[in-house]
N, C-alpha and C. Protein backbone atom coordinates (compact mmCIF):
# COMPACT_ATOMS: atom_id res chain seq x y z
N UNK A 1 -0.58 -17.58 -6.99
CA UNK A 1 -0.90 -16.47 -7.86
C UNK A 1 -0.38 -15.18 -7.25
N UNK A 2 0.43 -14.45 -7.96
CA UNK A 2 0.96 -13.19 -7.48
C UNK A 2 -0.06 -12.09 -7.75
N UNK A 3 -0.33 -11.29 -6.75
CA UNK A 3 -1.32 -10.23 -6.88
C UNK A 3 -0.63 -8.96 -7.33
N UNK A 4 -1.17 -8.34 -8.34
CA UNK A 4 -0.66 -7.05 -8.82
C UNK A 4 -1.48 -5.95 -8.16
N UNK A 5 -0.80 -5.03 -7.53
CA UNK A 5 -1.47 -3.94 -6.82
C UNK A 5 -1.29 -2.66 -7.63
N UNK A 6 -2.40 -2.03 -7.97
CA UNK A 6 -2.36 -0.79 -8.73
C UNK A 6 -2.05 0.38 -7.81
N UNK A 7 -1.28 1.32 -8.31
CA UNK A 7 -0.92 2.51 -7.56
C UNK A 7 -1.40 3.74 -8.32
N UNK A 8 -1.83 4.76 -7.58
CA UNK A 8 -2.16 6.02 -8.22
C UNK A 8 -1.33 7.11 -7.57
N UNK A 9 -1.00 8.10 -8.34
CA UNK A 9 -0.16 9.19 -7.84
C UNK A 9 -0.98 10.08 -6.91
N UNK A 10 -0.39 10.41 -5.79
CA UNK A 10 -1.01 11.32 -4.83
C UNK A 10 -1.03 12.71 -5.44
N UNK A 11 -2.20 13.30 -5.51
CA UNK A 11 -2.34 14.58 -6.22
C UNK A 11 -2.13 15.81 -5.34
N UNK A 12 -1.94 15.61 -4.05
CA UNK A 12 -1.69 16.75 -3.17
C UNK A 12 -2.88 17.17 -2.33
N UNK A 13 -4.03 16.53 -2.53
CA UNK A 13 -5.20 16.88 -1.75
C UNK A 13 -5.19 16.11 -0.42
N UNK A 14 -5.34 16.82 0.71
CA UNK A 14 -5.28 16.15 2.01
C UNK A 14 -6.37 15.10 2.21
N UNK A 15 -7.50 15.22 1.49
CA UNK A 15 -8.59 14.26 1.64
C UNK A 15 -8.13 12.85 1.28
N UNK A 16 -7.21 12.74 0.34
CA UNK A 16 -6.72 11.42 -0.05
C UNK A 16 -5.97 10.74 1.09
N UNK A 17 -5.22 11.49 1.85
CA UNK A 17 -4.47 10.92 2.97
C UNK A 17 -5.32 10.73 4.22
N UNK A 18 -6.45 11.41 4.30
CA UNK A 18 -7.31 11.25 5.48
C UNK A 18 -7.87 9.83 5.57
N UNK A 19 -7.91 9.10 4.45
CA UNK A 19 -8.35 7.71 4.46
C UNK A 19 -7.39 6.82 5.24
N UNK A 20 -6.17 7.30 5.49
CA UNK A 20 -5.16 6.49 6.17
C UNK A 20 -5.20 6.64 7.70
N UNK A 21 -6.15 7.40 8.22
CA UNK A 21 -6.27 7.54 9.69
C UNK A 21 -6.54 6.18 10.29
N UNK A 22 -5.86 5.85 11.35
CA UNK A 22 -6.04 4.57 12.02
C UNK A 22 -5.13 3.47 11.50
N UNK A 23 -4.38 3.75 10.43
CA UNK A 23 -3.44 2.76 9.89
C UNK A 23 -2.10 2.92 10.60
N UNK A 24 -1.41 1.79 10.80
CA UNK A 24 -0.10 1.80 11.44
C UNK A 24 0.93 1.24 10.47
N UNK A 25 2.17 1.69 10.61
CA UNK A 25 3.26 1.19 9.77
C UNK A 25 3.61 -0.23 10.22
N UNK A 26 3.57 -1.18 9.27
CA UNK A 26 3.94 -2.56 9.59
C UNK A 26 5.16 -3.03 8.80
N UNK A 27 5.60 -2.22 7.85
CA UNK A 27 6.77 -2.61 7.07
C UNK A 27 7.30 -1.46 6.24
N UNK A 28 8.62 -1.43 6.10
CA UNK A 28 9.29 -0.43 5.27
C UNK A 28 10.32 -1.16 4.42
N UNK A 29 10.39 -0.83 3.16
CA UNK A 29 11.34 -1.50 2.29
C UNK A 29 11.55 -0.74 1.00
N UNK A 30 12.18 -1.41 0.06
CA UNK A 30 12.44 -0.84 -1.25
C UNK A 30 11.49 -1.46 -2.26
N UNK A 31 11.03 -0.68 -3.19
CA UNK A 31 10.16 -1.16 -4.25
C UNK A 31 10.42 -0.38 -5.51
N UNK A 32 9.53 -0.48 -6.46
CA UNK A 32 9.66 0.33 -7.66
C UNK A 32 8.28 0.66 -8.22
N UNK A 33 8.21 1.82 -8.81
CA UNK A 33 7.01 2.31 -9.50
C UNK A 33 7.48 2.71 -10.89
N UNK A 34 6.93 2.08 -11.91
CA UNK A 34 7.32 2.38 -13.30
C UNK A 34 8.84 2.35 -13.48
N UNK A 35 9.46 1.29 -12.96
CA UNK A 35 10.91 1.05 -13.07
C UNK A 35 11.75 2.12 -12.38
N UNK A 36 11.16 2.87 -11.47
CA UNK A 36 11.88 3.87 -10.70
C UNK A 36 11.94 3.40 -9.25
N UNK A 37 13.11 3.50 -8.63
CA UNK A 37 13.26 3.08 -7.24
C UNK A 37 12.36 3.87 -6.32
N UNK A 38 11.82 3.19 -5.30
CA UNK A 38 10.89 3.84 -4.38
C UNK A 38 11.09 3.31 -2.97
N UNK A 39 10.83 4.17 -2.00
CA UNK A 39 10.73 3.73 -0.61
C UNK A 39 9.29 3.29 -0.42
N UNK A 40 9.10 2.07 0.02
CA UNK A 40 7.77 1.47 0.14
C UNK A 40 7.41 1.33 1.62
N UNK A 41 6.26 1.87 2.01
CA UNK A 41 5.80 1.80 3.39
C UNK A 41 4.45 1.07 3.39
N UNK A 42 4.37 -0.05 4.11
CA UNK A 42 3.12 -0.79 4.21
C UNK A 42 2.40 -0.36 5.47
N UNK A 43 1.15 0.03 5.33
CA UNK A 43 0.31 0.44 6.44
C UNK A 43 -0.83 -0.56 6.59
N UNK A 44 -1.26 -0.82 7.84
CA UNK A 44 -2.35 -1.75 8.07
C UNK A 44 -3.20 -1.25 9.24
N UNK A 45 -4.51 -1.53 9.17
CA UNK A 45 -5.38 -1.15 10.29
C UNK A 45 -5.73 -2.38 11.12
N UNK A 46 -6.61 -2.20 12.10
CA UNK A 46 -6.98 -3.28 13.02
C UNK A 46 -7.80 -4.39 12.37
N UNK A 47 -8.31 -4.15 11.17
CA UNK A 47 -9.15 -5.13 10.46
C UNK A 47 -8.39 -5.86 9.36
N UNK A 48 -7.05 -5.82 9.41
CA UNK A 48 -6.17 -6.47 8.43
C UNK A 48 -6.36 -5.94 7.01
N UNK A 49 -6.69 -4.67 6.90
CA UNK A 49 -6.74 -4.00 5.61
C UNK A 49 -5.44 -3.22 5.48
N UNK A 50 -4.78 -3.38 4.33
CA UNK A 50 -3.48 -2.74 4.13
C UNK A 50 -3.51 -1.82 2.92
N UNK A 51 -2.52 -0.94 2.89
CA UNK A 51 -2.32 -0.04 1.76
C UNK A 51 -0.83 0.26 1.71
N UNK A 52 -0.29 0.44 0.52
CA UNK A 52 1.13 0.75 0.35
C UNK A 52 1.29 2.21 -0.04
N UNK A 53 2.23 2.86 0.60
CA UNK A 53 2.59 4.23 0.29
C UNK A 53 4.00 4.18 -0.27
N UNK A 54 4.18 4.61 -1.51
CA UNK A 54 5.49 4.56 -2.17
C UNK A 54 5.95 5.96 -2.49
N UNK A 55 7.20 6.26 -2.11
CA UNK A 55 7.75 7.59 -2.31
C UNK A 55 8.93 7.50 -3.26
N UNK A 56 8.87 8.26 -4.35
CA UNK A 56 9.95 8.31 -5.33
C UNK A 56 10.41 9.76 -5.47
N UNK A 57 11.44 9.97 -6.29
CA UNK A 57 11.88 11.33 -6.57
C UNK A 57 10.82 12.12 -7.34
N UNK A 58 9.98 11.41 -8.08
CA UNK A 58 8.96 12.04 -8.92
C UNK A 58 7.64 12.31 -8.21
N UNK A 59 7.40 11.65 -7.08
CA UNK A 59 6.13 11.86 -6.38
C UNK A 59 5.82 10.76 -5.39
N UNK A 60 4.63 10.82 -4.85
CA UNK A 60 4.15 9.85 -3.87
C UNK A 60 2.99 9.09 -4.49
N UNK A 61 2.96 7.78 -4.28
CA UNK A 61 1.94 6.92 -4.86
C UNK A 61 1.26 6.12 -3.76
N UNK A 62 -0.06 5.95 -3.89
CA UNK A 62 -0.85 5.20 -2.92
C UNK A 62 -1.48 4.03 -3.64
N UNK A 63 -1.36 2.82 -3.06
CA UNK A 63 -1.95 1.64 -3.68
C UNK A 63 -3.44 1.56 -3.37
N UNK A 64 -4.10 0.60 -4.00
CA UNK A 64 -5.46 0.27 -3.62
C UNK A 64 -5.41 -0.38 -2.24
N UNK A 65 -6.51 -0.32 -1.51
CA UNK A 65 -6.59 -1.02 -0.24
C UNK A 65 -6.76 -2.51 -0.54
N UNK A 66 -6.14 -3.37 0.28
CA UNK A 66 -6.25 -4.81 0.07
C UNK A 66 -6.23 -5.51 1.42
N UNK A 67 -6.80 -6.73 1.44
CA UNK A 67 -6.89 -7.52 2.67
C UNK A 67 -5.64 -8.36 2.86
N UNK A 68 -5.23 -8.52 4.11
CA UNK A 68 -4.09 -9.36 4.47
C UNK A 68 -4.54 -10.50 5.38
N UNK A 69 -3.83 -11.61 5.31
CA UNK A 69 -4.05 -12.68 6.28
C UNK A 69 -3.32 -12.30 7.56
N UNK A 70 -3.45 -13.13 8.58
CA UNK A 70 -2.76 -12.86 9.85
C UNK A 70 -1.24 -12.93 9.70
N UNK A 71 -0.75 -13.58 8.64
CA UNK A 71 0.69 -13.69 8.37
C UNK A 71 1.20 -12.59 7.45
N UNK A 72 0.41 -11.54 7.26
CA UNK A 72 0.76 -10.41 6.40
C UNK A 72 0.91 -10.80 4.93
N UNK A 73 0.14 -11.78 4.48
CA UNK A 73 0.16 -12.21 3.09
C UNK A 73 -1.12 -11.68 2.43
N UNK A 74 -1.02 -11.04 1.26
CA UNK A 74 -2.24 -10.57 0.59
C UNK A 74 -3.23 -11.71 0.36
N UNK A 75 -4.46 -11.52 0.75
CA UNK A 75 -5.51 -12.53 0.61
C UNK A 75 -5.94 -12.61 -0.86
N UNK A 76 -6.06 -13.84 -1.38
CA UNK A 76 -6.46 -14.02 -2.77
C UNK A 76 -7.92 -14.43 -2.92
N UNK A 77 -8.52 -14.98 -1.90
CA UNK A 77 -9.90 -15.45 -1.89
C UNK A 77 -10.15 -16.64 -2.79
N UNK A 78 -9.10 -17.24 -3.34
CA UNK A 78 -9.26 -18.42 -4.18
C UNK A 78 -9.56 -19.66 -3.35
N UNK A 79 -9.05 -19.70 -2.11
CA UNK A 79 -9.20 -20.87 -1.26
C UNK A 79 -10.48 -20.85 -0.44
N UNK A 80 -11.19 -19.75 -0.41
CA UNK A 80 -12.41 -19.63 0.42
C UNK A 80 -13.61 -20.24 -0.24
């Protein structure tokens, strides 16, 4: 099952980014937001919680926080 991750546009308030304290960059790549090319940065903390930061020409988008397995695969909880 492929997991769909919702993204919201960063509104410019620093409080939104303060939630990312303690997260480290674990991956950088290309993605898309609403069919627009984006630079995608995956951040993860020590508890295997991840969040995606996507940067486009139109703005910056932050995904919902999600859990990862030790192999950096989004956890589905179907097998638990």
